[in-house]
Amino acid sequence: MSQTYDYINPEHYKKGDKEVYEMMIDIWGVDAYIKHCEMCAFKYRMRLGAKPDQPIERDLKKAEWYESKANELKSK
């Protein structure tokens, strides 16, 4: 049985025992990563429907992922 590709948080976002976002927090800090998430969410929302042959829902889900991650980190 083949596994469906995760376009929102694919396996290549993980290196060893950490996800890339965790490494970014280690390097730049949680506040910088929260800002990164907020800016990425804005970027994905601003370009909804602009990618040829790509569903709008994919960029919307990416924006929601970044918004959720920022909110999760803010609440810690």
N, C-alpha and C. Protein backbone atom coordinates (compact mmCIF):
# COMPACT_ATOMS: atom_id res chain seq x y z
N MET A 1 0.85 -1.18 0.00
CA MET A 1 0.00 0.00 0.00
C MET A 1 0.89 1.24 0.00
N SER A 2 0.69 2.14 -0.96
CA SER A 2 1.52 3.34 -1.02
C SER A 2 0.96 4.42 -0.09
N GLN A 3 1.89 5.18 0.46
CA GLN A 3 1.51 6.24 1.39
C GLN A 3 1.31 7.54 0.61
N THR A 4 0.33 8.31 0.99
CA THR A 4 0.06 9.58 0.34
C THR A 4 1.10 10.62 0.76
N TYR A 5 1.56 11.40 -0.22
CA TYR A 5 2.56 12.44 0.06
C TYR A 5 1.93 13.55 0.89
N ASP A 6 2.62 13.95 1.94
CA ASP A 6 2.15 15.03 2.82
C ASP A 6 2.70 16.36 2.30
N TYR A 7 1.88 17.12 1.60
CA TYR A 7 2.30 18.40 1.04
C TYR A 7 2.45 19.48 2.10
N ILE A 8 1.85 19.31 3.25
CA ILE A 8 1.87 20.33 4.29
C ILE A 8 3.12 20.21 5.17
N ASN A 9 3.46 19.03 5.60
CA ASN A 9 4.64 18.82 6.44
C ASN A 9 5.33 17.52 5.99
N PRO A 10 5.98 17.57 4.80
CA PRO A 10 6.55 16.34 4.23
C PRO A 10 7.73 15.80 5.03
N GLU A 11 8.01 14.55 4.77
CA GLU A 11 9.08 13.84 5.48
C GLU A 11 10.43 14.53 5.32
N HIS A 12 10.68 15.18 4.19
CA HIS A 12 11.99 15.82 3.99
C HIS A 12 12.16 17.07 4.86
N TYR A 13 11.14 17.46 5.63
CA TYR A 13 11.27 18.55 6.60
C TYR A 13 11.88 18.05 7.91
N LYS A 14 12.18 16.78 7.97
CA LYS A 14 12.75 16.18 9.18
C LYS A 14 14.18 15.74 8.88
N LYS A 15 15.09 16.06 9.76
CA LYS A 15 16.49 15.64 9.63
C LYS A 15 16.90 14.98 10.94
N GLY A 16 17.17 13.70 10.88
CA GLY A 16 17.52 12.99 12.10
C GLY A 16 16.35 12.95 13.06
N ASP A 17 16.61 13.33 14.31
CA ASP A 17 15.56 13.27 15.32
C ASP A 17 14.83 14.60 15.50
N LYS A 18 15.11 15.59 14.65
CA LYS A 18 14.45 16.90 14.75
C LYS A 18 13.81 17.29 13.43
N GLU A 19 12.75 18.07 13.55
CA GLU A 19 12.19 18.70 12.37
C GLU A 19 12.95 19.99 12.11
N VAL A 20 12.95 20.43 10.87
CA VAL A 20 13.69 21.64 10.50
C VAL A 20 13.24 22.83 11.35
N TYR A 21 11.94 22.94 11.64
CA TYR A 21 11.48 24.08 12.43
C TYR A 21 12.10 24.07 13.83
N GLU A 22 12.33 22.87 14.38
CA GLU A 22 12.96 22.79 15.71
C GLU A 22 14.42 23.26 15.66
N MET A 23 15.10 22.94 14.56
CA MET A 23 16.47 23.42 14.38
C MET A 23 16.49 24.94 14.23
N MET A 24 15.51 25.48 13.53
CA MET A 24 15.42 26.94 13.36
C MET A 24 15.23 27.62 14.71
N ILE A 25 14.41 27.04 15.57
CA ILE A 25 14.21 27.59 16.91
C ILE A 25 15.52 27.53 17.69
N ASP A 26 16.24 26.41 17.57
CA ASP A 26 17.52 26.28 18.26
C ASP A 26 18.50 27.37 17.82
N ILE A 27 18.50 27.71 16.55
CA ILE A 27 19.45 28.69 16.01
C ILE A 27 19.00 30.13 16.25
N TRP A 28 17.75 30.45 15.91
CA TRP A 28 17.30 31.84 15.93
C TRP A 28 16.37 32.20 17.09
N GLY A 29 15.89 31.21 17.82
CA GLY A 29 15.01 31.46 18.95
C GLY A 29 13.54 31.39 18.59
N VAL A 30 12.72 31.18 19.61
CA VAL A 30 11.29 30.97 19.40
C VAL A 30 10.59 32.23 18.88
N ASP A 31 10.97 33.40 19.36
CA ASP A 31 10.30 34.62 18.90
C ASP A 31 10.54 34.86 17.41
N ALA A 32 11.75 34.62 16.95
CA ALA A 32 12.04 34.77 15.53
C ALA A 32 11.27 33.74 14.71
N TYR A 33 11.15 32.53 15.24
CA TYR A 33 10.42 31.51 14.49
C TYR A 33 8.93 31.83 14.44
N ILE A 34 8.38 32.37 15.51
CA ILE A 34 6.97 32.78 15.49
C ILE A 34 6.76 33.83 14.40
N LYS A 35 7.65 34.80 14.30
CA LYS A 35 7.55 35.82 13.24
C LYS A 35 7.65 35.18 11.87
N HIS A 36 8.55 34.23 11.73
CA HIS A 36 8.69 33.50 10.46
C HIS A 36 7.37 32.83 10.10
N CYS A 37 6.74 32.18 11.06
CA CYS A 37 5.45 31.52 10.83
C CYS A 37 4.39 32.52 10.40
N GLU A 38 4.33 33.64 11.08
CA GLU A 38 3.33 34.66 10.74
C GLU A 38 3.55 35.20 9.33
N MET A 39 4.81 35.41 8.97
CA MET A 39 5.10 35.91 7.62
C MET A 39 4.82 34.86 6.56
N CYS A 40 5.14 33.61 6.83
CA CYS A 40 4.83 32.54 5.87
C CYS A 40 3.33 32.38 5.68
N ALA A 41 2.57 32.45 6.76
CA ALA A 41 1.11 32.35 6.66
C ALA A 41 0.57 33.48 5.79
N PHE A 42 1.09 34.67 6.00
CA PHE A 42 0.68 35.83 5.19
C PHE A 42 1.00 35.57 3.71
N LYS A 43 2.21 35.10 3.44
CA LYS A 43 2.65 34.83 2.07
C LYS A 43 1.72 33.81 1.40
N TYR A 44 1.43 32.71 2.09
CA TYR A 44 0.56 31.69 1.49
C TYR A 44 -0.85 32.21 1.25
N ARG A 45 -1.36 33.02 2.15
CA ARG A 45 -2.71 33.58 1.95
C ARG A 45 -2.73 34.59 0.80
N MET A 46 -1.67 35.37 0.66
CA MET A 46 -1.62 36.39 -0.39
C MET A 46 -1.55 35.77 -1.79
N ARG A 47 -1.01 34.59 -1.91
CA ARG A 47 -0.87 34.00 -3.24
C ARG A 47 -1.86 32.86 -3.51
N LEU A 48 -2.91 32.77 -2.70
CA LEU A 48 -3.94 31.75 -2.94
C LEU A 48 -4.42 31.83 -4.38
N GLY A 49 -4.41 30.71 -5.05
CA GLY A 49 -4.92 30.64 -6.41
C GLY A 49 -3.94 31.10 -7.49
N ALA A 50 -2.74 31.48 -7.11
CA ALA A 50 -1.78 32.01 -8.09
C ALA A 50 -0.91 30.93 -8.73
N LYS A 51 -0.83 29.75 -8.13
CA LYS A 51 0.02 28.69 -8.67
C LYS A 51 -0.77 27.92 -9.73
N PRO A 52 -0.24 27.83 -10.94
CA PRO A 52 -0.96 27.10 -11.99
C PRO A 52 -1.06 25.61 -11.65
N ASP A 53 -2.20 25.05 -11.93
CA ASP A 53 -2.46 23.62 -11.73
C ASP A 53 -2.28 23.14 -10.29
N GLN A 54 -2.39 24.05 -9.33
CA GLN A 54 -2.29 23.67 -7.92
C GLN A 54 -3.58 24.07 -7.20
N PRO A 55 -4.08 23.20 -6.34
CA PRO A 55 -5.32 23.54 -5.63
C PRO A 55 -5.10 24.66 -4.60
N ILE A 56 -6.05 25.56 -4.52
CA ILE A 56 -6.00 26.66 -3.54
C ILE A 56 -5.91 26.10 -2.13
N GLU A 57 -6.59 24.99 -1.90
CA GLU A 57 -6.63 24.39 -0.57
C GLU A 57 -5.24 24.05 -0.03
N ARG A 58 -4.32 23.71 -0.92
CA ARG A 58 -2.98 23.35 -0.46
C ARG A 58 -2.28 24.54 0.19
N ASP A 59 -2.33 25.71 -0.46
CA ASP A 59 -1.73 26.90 0.14
C ASP A 59 -2.49 27.34 1.38
N LEU A 60 -3.80 27.17 1.37
CA LEU A 60 -4.60 27.52 2.55
C LEU A 60 -4.20 26.62 3.73
N LYS A 61 -4.01 25.34 3.48
CA LYS A 61 -3.60 24.43 4.55
C LYS A 61 -2.21 24.76 5.06
N LYS A 62 -1.31 25.19 4.16
CA LYS A 62 0.03 25.62 4.59
C LYS A 62 -0.09 26.85 5.49
N ALA A 63 -0.90 27.82 5.09
CA ALA A 63 -1.09 29.02 5.90
C ALA A 63 -1.64 28.65 7.27
N GLU A 64 -2.60 27.76 7.30
CA GLU A 64 -3.19 27.33 8.57
C GLU A 64 -2.17 26.59 9.43
N TRP A 65 -1.29 25.80 8.80
CA TRP A 65 -0.25 25.10 9.56
C TRP A 65 0.66 26.11 10.25
N TYR A 66 1.11 27.12 9.51
CA TYR A 66 1.98 28.14 10.09
C TYR A 66 1.27 28.94 11.18
N GLU A 67 0.00 29.28 10.97
CA GLU A 67 -0.75 30.00 11.99
C GLU A 67 -0.91 29.16 13.25
N SER A 68 -1.19 27.89 13.07
CA SER A 68 -1.34 26.99 14.21
C SER A 68 -0.03 26.84 14.98
N LYS A 69 1.08 26.70 14.24
CA LYS A 69 2.38 26.55 14.90
C LYS A 69 2.74 27.81 15.67
N ALA A 70 2.49 28.99 15.09
CA ALA A 70 2.76 30.25 15.79
C ALA A 70 1.93 30.34 17.06
N ASN A 71 0.66 30.01 16.97
CA ASN A 71 -0.21 30.06 18.16
C ASN A 71 0.21 29.04 19.21
N GLU A 72 0.60 27.86 18.79
CA GLU A 72 1.09 26.84 19.72
C GLU A 72 2.31 27.35 20.48
N LEU A 73 3.26 27.95 19.77
CA LEU A 73 4.49 28.44 20.40
C LEU A 73 4.23 29.65 21.29
N LYS A 74 3.27 30.49 20.92
CA LYS A 74 2.93 31.66 21.74
C LYS A 74 2.34 31.24 23.09
N SER A 75 1.64 30.10 23.08
CA SER A 75 0.95 29.66 24.30
C SER A 75 1.86 28.89 25.26
N LYS A 76 3.09 28.64 24.87
CA LYS A 76 4.02 27.90 25.73
C LYS A 76 4.67 28.82 26.75
